[in-house]
Protein backbone atom coordinates (compact mmCIF):
# COMPACT_ATOMS: atom_id res chain seq x y z
CA UNK A 1 107.02 227.43 148.32
CA UNK A 2 102.96 226.97 148.07
CA UNK A 3 102.48 226.88 144.63
CA UNK A 4 101.71 223.57 144.53
CA UNK A 5 98.89 223.90 146.98
CA UNK A 6 95.19 223.61 145.69
CA UNK A 7 92.36 222.84 148.29
CA UNK A 8 88.94 223.63 148.00
CA UNK A 9 86.64 224.66 150.43
CA UNK A 10 83.01 224.17 151.74
CA UNK A 11 80.79 227.40 151.24
CA UNK A 12 78.90 226.08 154.63
CA UNK A 13 80.03 225.12 158.35
CA UNK A 14 80.48 221.89 159.37
CA UNK A 15 77.20 219.91 159.78
CA UNK A 16 78.03 217.66 163.00
CA UNK A 17 74.78 215.69 161.49
CA UNK A 18 77.11 215.23 158.53
CA UNK A 19 77.27 211.16 157.63
CA UNK A 20 80.68 209.92 158.86
CA UNK A 21 82.20 209.68 155.79
CA UNK A 22 81.33 213.57 154.99
CA UNK A 23 82.46 214.79 158.70
CA UNK A 24 86.04 213.04 158.48
CA UNK A 25 86.26 214.34 154.84
CA UNK A 26 86.02 217.75 156.48
CA UNK A 27 87.92 217.55 159.36
CA UNK A 28 90.74 215.89 156.93
CA UNK A 29 90.69 218.84 154.70
CA UNK A 30 91.44 221.20 157.91
CA UNK A 31 94.20 218.79 159.02
CA UNK A 32 95.51 219.40 155.37
CA UNK A 33 95.83 222.81 155.37
CA UNK A 34 97.39 223.04 158.90
CA UNK A 35 100.03 220.24 157.79
CA UNK A 36 100.71 221.83 154.43
CA UNK A 37 101.47 224.95 156.58
CA UNK A 38 103.71 223.42 158.57
CA UNK A 39 105.37 220.96 156.16
CA UNK A 40 106.77 223.86 153.94
CA UNK A 41 107.67 226.15 157.06
CA UNK A 42 106.32 229.14 155.50
CA UNK A 43 105.60 230.98 159.03
CA UNK A 44 104.15 234.14 156.67
CA UNK A 45 101.23 231.44 155.53
CA UNK A 46 100.03 230.58 159.26
CA UNK A 47 97.59 233.37 159.65
CA UNK A 48 96.04 232.52 156.08
CA UNK A 49 96.07 229.23 156.84
CA UNK A 50 94.10 229.59 160.67
CA UNK A 51 91.62 231.89 158.68
CA UNK A 52 90.92 229.07 156.34
CA UNK A 53 90.27 225.93 158.98
CA UNK A 54 87.88 228.79 160.47
CA UNK A 55 86.31 228.87 157.38
CA UNK A 56 86.69 224.79 156.52
CA UNK A 57 84.86 224.13 159.95
CA UNK A 58 82.94 227.38 161.11
CA UNK A 59 81.81 228.41 157.63
CA UNK A 60 81.11 232.41 156.81
CA UNK A 61 79.19 232.91 160.07
CA UNK A 62 82.31 231.86 162.25
CA UNK A 63 84.63 234.03 159.94
CA UNK A 64 82.16 237.27 159.67
CA UNK A 65 81.86 237.01 163.28
CA UNK A 66 85.15 236.82 164.50
CA UNK A 67 85.83 239.70 161.69
CA UNK A 68 83.21 241.89 163.55
CA UNK A 69 83.18 240.68 167.18
CA UNK A 70 86.38 238.45 167.90
CA UNK A 71 85.03 238.30 171.49
CA UNK A 72 81.66 237.34 170.58
CA UNK A 73 83.71 234.43 168.39
CA UNK A 74 85.84 233.25 170.85
CA UNK A 75 82.81 232.89 173.44
CA UNK A 76 80.88 230.64 171.12
CA UNK A 77 83.58 228.78 169.65
CA UNK A 78 85.91 228.74 172.60
CA UNK A 79 83.89 229.04 176.00
C-alpha cells in the first residue's frame, strides 16, 4: 500500500521565475506523486493525488478556486 510514501509539499504555487533547479525540483515532486499512485495501482488514491498535484503546481490559490468555482479554475488553468 501507500504507507511508505512520504512527500512534502510547497505551500506556495510554482513560481515560473524560480531558478531552473527549483523549478525542476517542483516538477519532479508533482511527477513523483503521479508515478507513485500509478505504481502502487491504488485507484482510490487517484483523486487525492490529483489534488496534491494541483496544490504542488498551483498552491492554495488553485485549490481554493477549484473548490469554490471549478469553472473559473478550468478557464484560468486550462483555457
